[in-house]
PDB file of N, CA and C in Angstrom:
ATOM      1  N   MET A   1       0.115 -29.063 -49.377  1.00  0.00           N
ATOM      2  CA  MET A   1       0.033 -28.564 -47.982  1.00  0.00           C
ATOM      3  C   MET A   1      -1.322 -28.843 -47.484  1.00  0.00           C
ATOM      4  N   PHE A   2      -1.387 -29.250 -46.163  1.00  0.00           N
ATOM      5  CA  PHE A   2      -2.638 -29.443 -45.525  1.00  0.00           C
ATOM      6  C   PHE A   2      -2.977 -28.179 -44.721  1.00  0.00           C
ATOM      7  N   THR A   3      -4.312 -27.939 -44.686  1.00  0.00           N
ATOM      8  CA  THR A   3      -4.739 -26.790 -43.863  1.00  0.00           C
ATOM      9  C   THR A   3      -5.105 -27.283 -42.506  1.00  0.00           C
ATOM     10  N   LYS A   4      -4.969 -26.373 -41.526  1.00  0.00           N
ATOM     11  CA  LYS A   4      -5.343 -26.676 -40.172  1.00  0.00           C
ATOM     12  C   LYS A   4      -6.871 -26.739 -40.041  1.00  0.00           C
ATOM     13  N   THR A   5      -7.361 -27.816 -39.616  1.00  0.00           N
ATOM     14  CA  THR A   5      -8.848 -27.924 -39.298  1.00  0.00           C
ATOM     15  C   THR A   5      -8.996 -28.802 -38.010  1.00  0.00           C
ATOM     16  N   GLY A   6     -10.182 -28.615 -37.471  1.00  0.00           N
ATOM     17  CA  GLY A   6     -10.461 -29.578 -36.409  1.00  0.00           C
ATOM     18  C   GLY A   6     -10.059 -28.968 -35.009  1.00  0.00           C
ATOM     19  N   ASN A   7      -9.222 -29.696 -34.392  1.00  0.00           N
ATOM     20  CA  ASN A   7      -8.758 -29.373 -32.998  1.00  0.00           C
ATOM     21  C   ASN A   7      -8.190 -27.889 -32.879  1.00  0.00           C
ATOM     22  N   SER A   8      -8.640 -27.294 -31.819  1.00  0.00           N
ATOM     23  CA  SER A   8      -7.922 -25.932 -31.456  1.00  0.00           C
ATOM     24  C   SER A   8      -7.434 -26.216 -30.058  1.00  0.00           C
ATOM     25  N   PHE A   9      -6.229 -25.754 -29.812  1.00  0.00           N
ATOM     26  CA  PHE A   9      -5.596 -25.974 -28.543  1.00  0.00           C
ATOM     27  C   PHE A   9      -5.380 -24.645 -27.798  1.00  0.00           C
ATOM     28  N   LEU A  10      -5.458 -24.710 -26.485  1.00  0.00           N
ATOM     29  CA  LEU A  10      -5.198 -23.525 -25.716  1.00  0.00           C
ATOM     30  C   LEU A  10      -3.786 -23.077 -25.862  1.00  0.00           C
ATOM     31  N   ALA A  11      -3.596 -21.807 -25.987  1.00  0.00           N
ATOM     32  CA  ALA A  11      -2.240 -21.245 -26.092  1.00  0.00           C
ATOM     33  C   ALA A  11      -1.549 -21.372 -24.745  1.00  0.00           C
ATOM     34  N   GLN A  12      -0.208 -21.484 -24.748  1.00  0.00           N
ATOM     35  CA  GLN A  12       0.523 -21.701 -23.503  1.00  0.00           C
ATOM     36  C   GLN A  12       0.338 -20.430 -22.595  1.00  0.00           C
ATOM     37  N   LYS A  13       0.228 -19.245 -23.208  1.00  0.00           N
ATOM     38  CA  LYS A  13       0.087 -18.075 -22.336  1.00  0.00           C
ATOM     39  C   LYS A  13      -1.254 -18.011 -21.743  1.00  0.00           C
ATOM     40  N   GLN A  14      -2.345 -18.504 -22.460  1.00  0.00           N
ATOM     41  CA  GLN A  14      -3.625 -18.557 -21.860  1.00  0.00           C
ATOM     42  C   GLN A  14      -3.748 -19.564 -20.721  1.00  0.00           C
ATOM     43  N   TYR A  15      -3.014 -20.649 -20.846  1.00  0.00           N
ATOM     44  CA  TYR A  15      -2.969 -21.585 -19.812  1.00  0.00           C
ATOM     45  C   TYR A  15      -2.293 -21.006 -18.515  1.00  0.00           C
ATOM     46  N   ALA A  16      -1.125 -20.416 -18.694  1.00  0.00           N
ATOM     47  CA  ALA A  16      -0.366 -19.830 -17.582  1.00  0.00           C
ATOM     48  C   ALA A  16      -1.132 -18.699 -16.957  1.00  0.00           C
ATOM     49  N   ALA A  17      -1.804 -17.924 -17.779  1.00  0.00           N
ATOM     50  CA  ALA A  17      -2.601 -16.803 -17.219  1.00  0.00           C
ATOM     51  C   ALA A  17      -3.801 -17.280 -16.373  1.00  0.00           C
ATOM     52  N   GLY A  18      -4.479 -18.293 -16.903  1.00  0.00           N
ATOM     53  CA  GLY A  18      -5.575 -18.845 -16.203  1.00  0.00           C
ATOM     54  C   GLY A  18      -5.225 -19.465 -14.849  1.00  0.00           C
ATOM     55  N   ILE A  19      -4.175 -20.172 -14.800  1.00  0.00           N
ATOM     56  CA  ILE A  19      -3.686 -20.769 -13.545  1.00  0.00           C
ATOM     57  C   ILE A  19      -3.259 -19.662 -12.587  1.00  0.00           C
ATOM     58  N   SER A  20      -2.541 -18.678 -13.128  1.00  0.00           N
ATOM     59  CA  SER A  20      -2.084 -17.494 -12.296  1.00  0.00           C
ATOM     60  C   SER A  20      -3.208 -16.831 -11.695  1.00  0.00           C
ATOM     61  N   ARG A  21      -4.309 -16.535 -12.454  1.00  0.00           N
ATOM     62  CA  ARG A  21      -5.476 -15.852 -11.927  1.00  0.00           C
ATOM     63  C   ARG A  21      -6.123 -16.684 -10.757  1.00  0.00           C
ATOM     64  N   ALA A  22      -6.229 -17.949 -10.919  1.00  0.00           N
ATOM     65  CA  ALA A  22      -6.793 -18.811  -9.853  1.00  0.00           C
ATOM     66  C   ALA A  22      -5.920 -18.752  -8.642  1.00  0.00           C
ATOM     67  N   LEU A  23      -4.636 -18.787  -8.760  1.00  0.00           N
ATOM     68  CA  LEU A  23      -3.716 -18.800  -7.619  1.00  0.00           C
ATOM     69  C   LEU A  23      -3.836 -17.489  -6.861  1.00  0.00           C
ATOM     70  N   HIS A  24      -3.854 -16.391  -7.628  1.00  0.00           N
ATOM     71  CA  HIS A  24      -4.023 -15.099  -6.986  1.00  0.00           C
ATOM     72  C   HIS A  24      -5.293 -14.901  -6.274  1.00  0.00           C
ATOM     73  N   LEU A  25      -6.376 -15.385  -6.828  1.00  0.00           N
ATOM     74  CA  LEU A  25      -7.719 -15.305  -6.186  1.00  0.00           C
ATOM     75  C   LEU A  25      -7.640 -16.097  -4.920  1.00  0.00           C
ATOM     76  N   GLU A  26      -7.030 -17.290  -4.895  1.00  0.00           N
ATOM     77  CA  GLU A  26      -7.176 -18.142  -3.759  1.00  0.00           C
ATOM     78  C   GLU A  26      -6.091 -17.759  -2.643  1.00  0.00           C
ATOM     79  N   LEU A  27      -4.925 -17.419  -3.100  1.00  0.00           N
ATOM     80  CA  LEU A  27      -3.826 -17.184  -2.100  1.00  0.00           C
ATOM     81  C   LEU A  27      -3.360 -15.771  -1.964  1.00  0.00           C
ATOM     82  N   GLY A  28      -3.703 -14.897  -2.898  1.00  0.00           N
ATOM     83  CA  GLY A  28      -3.185 -13.568  -2.793  1.00  0.00           C
ATOM     84  C   GLY A  28      -1.867 -13.401  -3.467  1.00  0.00           C
ATOM     85  N   ASP A  29      -1.239 -12.187  -3.147  1.00  0.00           N
ATOM     86  CA  ASP A  29       0.020 -11.811  -3.805  1.00  0.00           C
ATOM     87  C   ASP A  29       1.244 -11.814  -2.824  1.00  0.00           C
ATOM     88  N   THR A  30       1.064 -12.480  -1.675  1.00  0.00           N
ATOM     89  CA  THR A  30       2.111 -12.365  -0.625  1.00  0.00           C
ATOM     90  C   THR A  30       3.187 -13.414  -0.801  1.00  0.00           C
ATOM     91  N   HIS A  31       4.271 -13.269  -0.044  1.00  0.00           N
ATOM     92  CA  HIS A  31       5.332 -14.241  -0.050  1.00  0.00           C
ATOM     93  C   HIS A  31       4.860 -15.545   0.551  1.00  0.00           C
ATOM     94  N   GLN A  32       3.919 -15.402   1.481  1.00  0.00           N
ATOM     95  CA  GLN A  32       3.302 -16.646   2.112  1.00  0.00           C
ATOM     96  C   GLN A  32       2.588 -17.460   1.060  1.00  0.00           C
ATOM     97  N   ALA A  33       2.018 -16.849   0.077  1.00  0.00           N
ATOM     98  CA  ALA A  33       1.356 -17.585  -1.060  1.00  0.00           C
ATOM     99  C   ALA A  33       2.433 -18.405  -1.792  1.00  0.00           C
ATOM    100  N   THR A  34       3.546 -17.871  -2.053  1.00  0.00           N
ATOM    101  CA  THR A  34       4.633 -18.538  -2.708  1.00  0.00           C
ATOM    102  C   THR A  34       5.095 -19.758  -1.867  1.00  0.00           C
ATOM    103  N   LYS A  35       5.237 -19.511  -0.586  1.00  0.00           N
ATOM    104  CA  LYS A  35       5.666 -20.615   0.337  1.00  0.00           C
ATOM    105  C   LYS A  35       4.631 -21.688   0.396  1.00  0.00           C
ATOM    106  N   THR A  36       3.280 -21.317   0.439  1.00  0.00           N
ATOM    107  CA  THR A  36       2.241 -22.303   0.405  1.00  0.00           C
ATOM    108  C   THR A  36       2.272 -23.198  -0.814  1.00  0.00           C
ATOM    109  N   LEU A  37       2.450 -22.542  -2.007  1.00  0.00           N
ATOM    110  CA  LEU A  37       2.528 -23.272  -3.250  1.00  0.00           C
ATOM    111  C   LEU A  37       3.735 -24.222  -3.274  1.00  0.00           C
ATOM    112  N   MET A  38       4.859 -23.758  -2.746  1.00  0.00           N
ATOM    113  CA  MET A  38       6.059 -24.647  -2.727  1.00  0.00           C
ATOM    114  C   MET A  38       5.733 -25.797  -1.825  1.00  0.00           C
ATOM    115  N   ARG A  39       5.071 -25.646  -0.776  1.00  0.00           N
ATOM    116  CA  ARG A  39       4.765 -26.697   0.155  1.00  0.00           C
ATOM    117  C   ARG A  39       3.762 -27.721  -0.483  1.00  0.00           C
ATOM    118  N   TRP A  40       2.721 -27.210  -1.191  1.00  0.00           N
ATOM    119  CA  TRP A  40       1.734 -27.999  -1.826  1.00  0.00           C
ATOM    120  C   TRP A  40       2.341 -28.841  -2.980  1.00  0.00           C
ATOM    121  N   THR A  41       3.239 -28.247  -3.763  1.00  0.00           N
ATOM    122  CA  THR A  41       3.658 -28.900  -4.958  1.00  0.00           C
ATOM    123  C   THR A  41       5.112 -29.463  -4.914  1.00  0.00           C
ATOM    124  N   ASN A  42       5.872 -29.110  -3.932  1.00  0.00           N
ATOM    125  CA  ASN A  42       7.241 -29.451  -3.801  1.00  0.00           C
ATOM    126  C   ASN A  42       8.112 -28.872  -4.941  1.00  0.00           C
ATOM    127  N   ALA A  43       7.627 -27.725  -5.512  1.00  0.00           N
ATOM    128  CA  ALA A  43       8.338 -27.017  -6.624  1.00  0.00           C
ATOM    129  C   ALA A  43       9.260 -25.979  -5.975  1.00  0.00           C
ATOM    130  N   ASN A  44      10.299 -25.554  -6.686  1.00  0.00           N
ATOM    131  CA  ASN A  44      11.201 -24.504  -6.134  1.00  0.00           C
ATOM    132  C   ASN A  44      10.585 -23.155  -6.226  1.00  0.00           C
ATOM    133  N   GLU A  45      11.173 -22.198  -5.579  1.00  0.00           N
ATOM    134  CA  GLU A  45      10.622 -20.883  -5.533  1.00  0.00           C
ATOM    135  C   GLU A  45      10.503 -20.126  -6.812  1.00  0.00           C
ATOM    136  N   ARG A  46      11.557 -20.264  -7.644  1.00  0.00           N
ATOM    137  CA  ARG A  46      11.543 -19.602  -8.931  1.00  0.00           C
ATOM    138  C   ARG A  46      10.400 -20.128  -9.803  1.00  0.00           C
ATOM    139  N   THR A  47      10.253 -21.433  -9.736  1.00  0.00           N
ATOM    140  CA  THR A  47       9.054 -22.079 -10.518  1.00  0.00           C
ATOM    141  C   THR A  47       7.833 -21.540 -10.128  1.00  0.00           C
ATOM    142  N   VAL A  48       7.574 -21.483  -8.831  1.00  0.00           N
ATOM    143  CA  VAL A  48       6.327 -20.981  -8.263  1.00  0.00           C
ATOM    144  C   VAL A  48       6.031 -19.541  -8.583  1.00  0.00           C
ATOM    145  N   LYS A  49       7.139 -18.692  -8.543  1.00  0.00           N
ATOM    146  CA  LYS A  49       6.982 -17.323  -8.963  1.00  0.00           C
ATOM    147  C   LYS A  49       6.614 -17.182 -10.363  1.00  0.00           C
ATOM    148  N   ASN A  50       7.148 -17.987 -11.216  1.00  0.00           N
ATOM    149  CA  ASN A  50       6.727 -17.994 -12.615  1.00  0.00           C
ATOM    150  C   ASN A  50       5.244 -18.360 -12.785  1.00  0.00           C
ATOM    151  N   TRP A  51       4.752 -19.315 -12.047  1.00  0.00           N
ATOM    152  CA  TRP A  51       3.328 -19.598 -12.091  1.00  0.00           C
ATOM    153  C   TRP A  51       2.490 -18.386 -11.639  1.00  0.00           C
ATOM    154  N   MET A  52       2.940 -17.732 -10.549  1.00  0.00           N
ATOM    155  CA  MET A  52       2.216 -16.619 -10.053  1.00  0.00           C
ATOM    156  C   MET A  52       2.238 -15.478 -11.050  1.00  0.00           C
ATOM    157  N   ALA A  53       3.354 -15.272 -11.707  1.00  0.00           N
ATOM    158  CA  ALA A  53       3.477 -14.161 -12.709  1.00  0.00           C
ATOM    159  C   ALA A  53       2.741 -14.455 -13.983  1.00  0.00           C
ATOM    160  N   GLY A  54       2.356 -15.719 -14.197  1.00  0.00           N
ATOM    161  CA  GLY A  54       1.742 -16.064 -15.489  1.00  0.00           C
ATOM    162  C   GLY A  54       2.710 -16.242 -16.591  1.00  0.00           C
ATOM    163  N   SER A  55       3.995 -16.354 -16.353  1.00  0.00           N
ATOM    164  CA  SER A  55       4.936 -16.593 -17.416  1.00  0.00           C
ATOM    165  C   SER A  55       5.041 -18.054 -17.851  1.00  0.00           C
ATOM    166  N   SER A  56       4.661 -18.907 -16.897  1.00  0.00           N
ATOM    167  CA  SER A  56       4.576 -20.376 -17.265  1.00  0.00           C
ATOM    168  C   SER A  56       3.544 -20.961 -16.330  1.00  0.00           C
ATOM    169  N   GLY A  57       3.118 -22.159 -16.646  1.00  0.00           N
ATOM    170  CA  GLY A  57       2.065 -22.897 -15.862  1.00  0.00           C
ATOM    171  C   GLY A  57       2.629 -24.105 -15.327  1.00  0.00           C
ATOM    172  N   PRO A  58       2.089 -24.733 -14.329  1.00  0.00           N
ATOM    173  CA  PRO A  58       2.541 -26.055 -13.793  1.00  0.00           C
ATOM    174  C   PRO A  58       2.315 -27.118 -14.783  1.00  0.00           C
ATOM    175  N   ARG A  59       3.238 -28.079 -14.725  1.00  0.00           N
ATOM    176  CA  ARG A  59       3.161 -29.188 -15.672  1.00  0.00           C
ATOM    177  C   ARG A  59       3.104 -30.544 -14.816  1.00  0.00           C
ATOM    178  N   GLY A  60       2.496 -31.501 -15.395  1.00  0.00           N
ATOM    179  CA  GLY A  60       2.566 -32.901 -14.837  1.00  0.00           C
ATOM    180  C   GLY A  60       2.273 -32.985 -13.387  1.00  0.00           C
ATOM    181  N   GLU A  61       3.199 -33.524 -12.687  1.00  0.00           N
ATOM    182  CA  GLU A  61       2.916 -33.855 -11.227  1.00  0.00           C
ATOM    183  C   GLU A  61       2.705 -32.562 -10.422  1.00  0.00           C
ATOM    184  N   HIS A  62       3.232 -31.450 -10.823  1.00  0.00           N
ATOM    185  CA  HIS A  62       3.009 -30.161 -10.099  1.00  0.00           C
ATOM    186  C   HIS A  62       1.587 -29.756 -10.267  1.00  0.00           C
ATOM    187  N   LEU A  63       1.021 -29.874 -11.511  1.00  0.00           N
ATOM    188  CA  LEU A  63      -0.349 -29.538 -11.751  1.00  0.00           C
ATOM    189  C   LEU A  63      -1.275 -30.462 -10.979  1.00  0.00           C
ATOM    190  N   VAL A  64      -0.965 -31.743 -10.874  1.00  0.00           N
ATOM    191  CA  VAL A  64      -1.787 -32.690 -10.123  1.00  0.00           C
ATOM    192  C   VAL A  64      -1.794 -32.294  -8.614  1.00  0.00           C
ATOM    193  N   ALA A  65      -0.606 -32.011  -8.096  1.00  0.00           N
ATOM    194  CA  ALA A  65      -0.441 -31.586  -6.623  1.00  0.00           C
ATOM    195  C   ALA A  65      -1.259 -30.230  -6.374  1.00  0.00           C
ATOM    196  N   LEU A  66      -1.135 -29.336  -7.357  1.00  0.00           N
ATOM    197  CA  LEU A  66      -1.792 -28.009  -7.187  1.00  0.00           C
ATOM    198  C   LEU A  66      -3.302 -28.233  -7.182  1.00  0.00           C
ATOM    199  N   ILE A  67      -3.914 -28.983  -8.072  1.00  0.00           N
ATOM    200  CA  ILE A  67      -5.332 -29.116  -8.085  1.00  0.00           C
ATOM    201  C   ILE A  67      -5.803 -30.013  -6.919  1.00  0.00           C
ATOM    202  N   LYS A  68      -4.968 -30.761  -6.318  1.00  0.00           N
ATOM    203  CA  LYS A  68      -5.287 -31.510  -5.188  1.00  0.00           C
ATOM    204  C   LYS A  68      -5.620 -30.572  -3.994  1.00  0.00           C
ATOM    205  N   HIS A  69      -4.992 -29.407  -3.950  1.00  0.00           N
ATOM    206  CA  HIS A  69      -5.042 -28.474  -2.846  1.00  0.00           C
ATOM    207  C   HIS A  69      -5.946 -27.302  -3.124  1.00  0.00           C
ATOM    208  N   SER A  70      -6.164 -26.965  -4.432  1.00  0.00           N
ATOM    209  CA  SER A  70      -6.813 -25.694  -4.794  1.00  0.00           C
ATOM    210  C   SER A  70      -8.051 -25.963  -5.630  1.00  0.00           C
ATOM    211  N   ASP A  71      -9.195 -25.622  -5.010  1.00  0.00           N
ATOM    212  CA  ASP A  71     -10.443 -25.767  -5.831  1.00  0.00           C
ATOM    213  C   ASP A  71     -10.523 -24.775  -6.953  1.00  0.00           C
ATOM    214  N   LEU A  72      -9.957 -23.569  -6.799  1.00  0.00           N
ATOM    215  CA  LEU A  72      -9.968 -22.509  -7.894  1.00  0.00           C
ATOM    216  C   LEU A  72      -9.018 -23.012  -9.060  1.00  0.00           C
ATOM    217  N   ALA A  73      -7.899 -23.616  -8.728  1.00  0.00           N
ATOM    218  CA  ALA A  73      -7.028 -24.096  -9.745  1.00  0.00           C
ATOM    219  C   ALA A  73      -7.689 -25.223 -10.512  1.00  0.00           C
ATOM    220  N   LEU A  74      -8.467 -26.080  -9.855  1.00  0.00           N
ATOM    221  CA  LEU A  74      -9.146 -27.164 -10.400  1.00  0.00           C
ATOM    222  C   LEU A  74     -10.228 -26.575 -11.351  1.00  0.00           C
ATOM    223  N   ALA A  75     -10.950 -25.542 -10.919  1.00  0.00           N
ATOM    224  CA  ALA A  75     -12.002 -24.959 -11.698  1.00  0.00           C
ATOM    225  C   ALA A  75     -11.410 -24.284 -12.950  1.00  0.00           C
ATOM    226  N   ALA A  76     -10.303 -23.673 -12.784  1.00  0.00           N
ATOM    227  CA  ALA A  76      -9.659 -23.058 -13.989  1.00  0.00           C
ATOM    228  C   ALA A  76      -9.192 -24.090 -14.958  1.00  0.00           C
ATOM    229  N   PHE A  77      -8.649 -25.109 -14.461  1.00  0.00           N
ATOM    230  CA  PHE A  77      -8.159 -26.253 -15.311  1.00  0.00           C
ATOM    231  C   PHE A  77      -9.365 -26.892 -16.080  1.00  0.00           C
ATOM    232  N   LEU A  78     -10.410 -27.145 -15.314  1.00  0.00           N
ATOM    233  CA  LEU A  78     -11.574 -27.798 -15.988  1.00  0.00           C
ATOM    234  C   LEU A  78     -12.254 -26.813 -17.038  1.00  0.00           C
ATOM    235  N   GLY A  79     -12.249 -25.503 -16.699  1.00  0.00           N
ATOM    236  CA  GLY A  79     -12.783 -24.517 -17.576  1.00  0.00           C
ATOM    237  C   GLY A  79     -12.039 -24.416 -18.878  1.00  0.00           C
ATOM    238  N   MET A  80     -10.667 -24.472 -18.759  1.00  0.00           N
ATOM    239  CA  MET A  80      -9.761 -24.422 -19.896  1.00  0.00           C
ATOM    240  C   MET A  80      -9.960 -25.699 -20.783  1.00  0.00           C
ATOM    241  N   ALA A  81     -10.286 -26.766 -20.154  1.00  0.00           N
ATOM    242  CA  ALA A  81     -10.454 -28.048 -20.848  1.00  0.00           C
ATOM    243  C   ALA A  81     -11.929 -28.248 -21.404  1.00  0.00           C
ATOM    244  N   ASP A  82     -12.638 -27.074 -21.310  1.00  0.00           N
ATOM    245  CA  ASP A  82     -14.092 -27.156 -21.675  1.00  0.00           C
ATOM    246  C   ASP A  82     -14.862 -28.310 -21.001  1.00  0.00           C
ATOM    247  N   ARG A  83     -14.650 -28.413 -19.754  1.00  0.00           N
ATOM    248  CA  ARG A  83     -15.305 -29.498 -18.952  1.00  0.00           C
ATOM    249  C   ARG A  83     -15.882 -28.858 -17.660  1.00  0.00           C
ATOM    250  N   PRO A  84     -16.560 -27.734 -17.707  1.00  0.00           N
ATOM    251  CA  PRO A  84     -17.152 -27.121 -16.511  1.00  0.00           C
ATOM    252  C   PRO A  84     -18.091 -28.021 -15.786  1.00  0.00           C
ATOM    253  N   HIS A  85     -18.839 -28.872 -16.492  1.00  0.00           N
ATOM    254  CA  HIS A  85     -19.762 -29.768 -15.817  1.00  0.00           C
ATOM    255  C   HIS A  85     -19.123 -30.710 -14.872  1.00  0.00           C
ATOM    256  N   ALA A  86     -17.815 -31.049 -15.065  1.00  0.00           N
ATOM    257  CA  ALA A  86     -17.124 -31.949 -14.274  1.00  0.00           C
ATOM    258  C   ALA A  86     -16.899 -31.301 -12.805  1.00  0.00           C
ATOM    259  N   LEU A  87     -16.823 -29.924 -12.808  1.00  0.00           N
ATOM    260  CA  LEU A  87     -16.657 -29.242 -11.510  1.00  0.00           C
ATOM    261  C   LEU A  87     -17.934 -29.362 -10.762  1.00  0.00           C
ATOM    262  N   THR A  88     -19.055 -29.311 -11.416  1.00  0.00           N
ATOM    263  CA  THR A  88     -20.360 -29.359 -10.721  1.00  0.00           C
ATOM    264  C   THR A  88     -20.407 -30.635  -9.886  1.00  0.00           C
ATOM    265  N   ALA A  89     -20.078 -31.704 -10.468  1.00  0.00           N
ATOM    266  CA  ALA A  89     -20.112 -33.005  -9.762  1.00  0.00           C
ATOM    267  C   ALA A  89     -19.219 -33.016  -8.569  1.00  0.00           C
ATOM    268  N   SER A  90     -18.057 -32.320  -8.573  1.00  0.00           N
ATOM    269  CA  SER A  90     -17.108 -32.318  -7.445  1.00  0.00           C
ATOM    270  C   SER A  90     -17.674 -31.449  -6.373  1.00  0.00           C
ATOM    271  N   GLU A  91     -18.572 -30.459  -6.749  1.00  0.00           N
ATOM    272  CA  GLU A  91     -19.060 -29.556  -5.671  1.00  0.00           C
ATOM    273  C   GLU A  91     -20.270 -30.057  -5.037  1.00  0.00           C
ATOM    274  N   LEU A  92     -20.910 -31.226  -5.518  1.00  0.00           N
ATOM    275  CA  LEU A  92     -22.112 -31.727  -4.875  1.00  0.00           C
ATOM    276  C   LEU A  92     -22.032 -32.025  -3.419  1.00  0.00           C
ATOM    277  N   PRO A  93     -21.018 -32.631  -2.930  1.00  0.00           N
ATOM    278  CA  PRO A  93     -21.002 -32.949  -1.464  1.00  0.00           C
ATOM    279  C   PRO A  93     -20.989 -31.656  -0.629  1.00  0.00           C
ATOM    280  N   THR A  94     -20.270 -30.625  -1.017  1.00  0.00           N
ATOM    281  CA  THR A  94     -20.241 -29.369  -0.343  1.00  0.00           C
ATOM    282  C   THR A  94     -21.612 -28.704  -0.363  1.00  0.00           C
ATOM    283  N   LEU A  95     -22.262 -28.721  -1.561  1.00  0.00           N
ATOM    284  CA  LEU A  95     -23.608 -28.172  -1.680  1.00  0.00           C
ATOM    285  C   LEU A  95     -24.605 -28.899  -0.828  1.00  0.00           C
ATOM    286  N   ARG A  96     -24.491 -30.237  -0.767  1.00  0.00           N
ATOM    287  CA  ARG A  96     -25.372 -31.060   0.087  1.00  0.00           C
ATOM    288  C   ARG A  96     -25.236 -30.680   1.501  1.00  0.00           C
ATOM    289  N   GLN A  97     -23.998 -30.490   1.991  1.00  0.00           N
ATOM    290  CA  GLN A  97     -23.755 -30.117   3.375  1.00  0.00           C
ATOM    291  C   GLN A  97     -24.377 -28.677   3.667  1.00  0.00           C
ATOM    292  N   LYS A  98     -24.158 -27.786   2.807  1.00  0.00           N
ATOM    293  CA  LYS A  98     -24.759 -26.435   3.035  1.00  0.00           C
ATOM    294  C   LYS A  98     -26.215 -26.463   3.030  1.00  0.00           C
ATOM    295  N   LEU A  99     -26.877 -27.302   2.155  1.00  0.00           N
ATOM    296  CA  LEU A  99     -28.291 -27.436   2.160  1.00  0.00           C
ATOM    297  C   LEU A  99     -28.821 -28.095   3.495  1.00  0.00           C
ATOM    298  N   GLN A 100     -28.094 -29.006   4.027  1.00  0.00           N
ATOM    299  CA  GLN A 100     -28.461 -29.619   5.302  1.00  0.00           C
ATOM    300  C   GLN A 100     -28.515 -28.602   6.379  1.00  0.00           C
ATOM    301  N   VAL A 101     -27.476 -27.719   6.431  1.00  0.00           N
ATOM    302  CA  VAL A 101     -27.423 -26.688   7.438  1.00  0.00           C
ATOM    303  C   VAL A 101     -28.637 -25.730   7.349  1.00  0.00           C
ATOM    304  N   LEU A 102     -28.938 -25.397   5.999  1.00  0.00           N
ATOM    305  CA  LEU A 102     -30.075 -24.524   5.776  1.00  0.00           C
ATOM    306  C   LEU A 102     -31.395 -25.106   6.180  1.00  0.00           C
ATOM    307  N   ILE A 103     -31.545 -26.409   5.909  1.00  0.00           N
ATOM    308  CA  ILE A 103     -32.810 -27.116   6.320  1.00  0.00           C
ATOM    309  C   ILE A 103     -32.943 -27.168   7.789  1.00  0.00           C
ATOM    310  N   GLU A 104     -31.867 -27.411   8.468  1.00  0.00           N
ATOM    311  CA  GLU A 104     -31.896 -27.385   9.996  1.00  0.00           C
ATOM    312  C   GLU A 104     -32.246 -26.102  10.529  1.00  0.00           C
ATOM    313  N   GLY A 105     -31.762 -25.043   9.919  1.00  0.00           N
ATOM    314  CA  GLY A 105     -32.023 -23.668  10.352  1.00  0.00           C
ATOM    315  C   GLY A 105     -33.548 -23.369  10.092  1.00  0.00           C
ATOM    316  N   ILE A 106     -34.106 -23.782   8.959  1.00  0.00           N
ATOM    317  CA  ILE A 106     -35.528 -23.553   8.681  1.00  0.00           C
ATOM    318  C   ILE A 106     -36.358 -24.349   9.628  1.00  0.00           C
ATOM    319  N   ASP A 107     -36.016 -25.596   9.905  1.00  0.00           N
ATOM    320  CA  ASP A 107     -36.758 -26.447  10.830  1.00  0.00           C
ATOM    321  C   ASP A 107     -36.721 -25.827  12.198  1.00  0.00           C
ATOM    322  N   SER A 108     -35.595 -25.311  12.645  1.00  0.00           N
ATOM    323  CA  SER A 108     -35.518 -24.692  13.947  1.00  0.00           C
ATOM    324  C   SER A 108     -36.423 -23.454  13.992  1.00  0.00           C
ATOM    325  N   TYR A 109     -36.404 -22.663  12.974  1.00  0.00           N
ATOM    326  CA  TYR A 109     -37.271 -21.441  12.902  1.00  0.00           C
ATOM    327  C   TYR A 109     -38.764 -21.766  12.925  1.00  0.00           C
ATOM    328  N   LEU A 110     -39.109 -22.870  12.177  1.00  0.00           N
ATOM    329  CA  LEU A 110     -40.533 -23.252  12.130  1.00  0.00           C
ATOM    330  C   LEU A 110     -40.971 -23.838  13.438  1.00  0.00           C
ATOM    331  N   CYS A 111     -40.126 -24.507  14.185  1.00  0.00           N
ATOM    332  CA  CYS A 111     -40.489 -25.149  15.466  1.00  0.00           C
ATOM    333  C   CYS A 111     -40.657 -23.941  16.469  1.00  0.00           C
ATOM    334  N   GLU A 112     -39.849 -23.016  16.422  1.00  0.00           N
ATOM    335  CA  GLU A 112     -40.029 -21.852  17.351  1.00  0.00           C
ATOM    336  C   GLU A 112     -41.307 -21.116  17.032  1.00  0.00           C
ATOM    337  N   GLY A 113     -41.680 -21.043  15.761  1.00  0.00           N
ATOM    338  CA  GLY A 113     -42.969 -20.293  15.324  1.00  0.00           C
ATOM    339  C   GLY A 113     -44.168 -21.072  15.822  1.00  0.00           C
ATOM    340  N   GLU A 114     -44.045 -22.379  15.775  1.00  0.00           N
ATOM    341  CA  GLU A 114     -45.226 -23.178  16.278  1.00  0.00           C
ATOM    342  C   GLU A 114     -45.459 -23.062  17.748  1.00  0.00           C
ATOM    343  N   GLY A 115     -44.333 -22.977  18.520  1.00  0.00           N
ATOM    344  CA  GLY A 115     -44.453 -22.761  19.945  1.00  0.00           C
ATOM    345  C   GLY A 115     -45.087 -21.424  20.239  1.00  0.00           C
ATOM    346  N   ALA A 116     -44.732 -20.431  19.548  1.00  0.00           N
ATOM    347  CA  ALA A 116     -45.284 -19.037  19.785  1.00  0.00           C
ATOM    348  C   ALA A 116     -46.737 -19.003  19.487  1.00  0.00           C
ATOM    349  N   GLY A 117     -47.200 -19.708  18.440  1.00  0.00           N
ATOM    350  CA  GLY A 117     -48.599 -19.686  17.970  1.00  0.00           C
ATOM    351  C   GLY A 117     -49.492 -20.453  18.932  1.00  0.00           C
ATOM    352  N   SER A 118     -49.001 -21.440  19.711  1.00  0.00           N
ATOM    353  CA  SER A 118     -49.871 -22.176  20.599  1.00  0.00           C
ATOM    354  C   SER A 118     -50.259 -21.411  21.855  1.00  0.00           C
ATOM    355  N   ASP A 119     -49.625 -20.257  22.150  1.00  0.00           N
ATOM    356  CA  ASP A 119     -50.023 -19.446  23.303  1.00  0.00           C
ATOM    357  C   ASP A 119     -51.249 -18.610  22.984  1.00  0.00           C
ATOM    358  N   ARG A 120     -51.657 -18.509  21.803  1.00  0.00           N
ATOM    359  CA  ARG A 120     -52.761 -17.569  21.458  1.00  0.00           C
ATOM    360  C   ARG A 120     -54.060 -18.196  21.707  1.00  0.00           C
TER     361      ARG A 120
END
């Protein structure tokens, strides 16, 4: 008999619970959340309710469609795959945009300060 060594795989319940948590955080607990997920993934209502309840998780094309629309589902998926650094790369464009807005705000503030200092 061979002993189990090496790879450890995520349990099905852990996967379903992780996706469920992400969906609840992003969309809430409303019927509208169910409808949104149905529209995003083209899955039927019972399937989506199972995802929300954490009794099963999306598979294949449903998972791809879900992470196409949901940053939190993508983050949960990458976290479960032990690839959190991959998420960082996908967040860089958003971070860059936020930094540009902050820099513009700082520049605007500094320009106003220079104008006030020249009156003295």
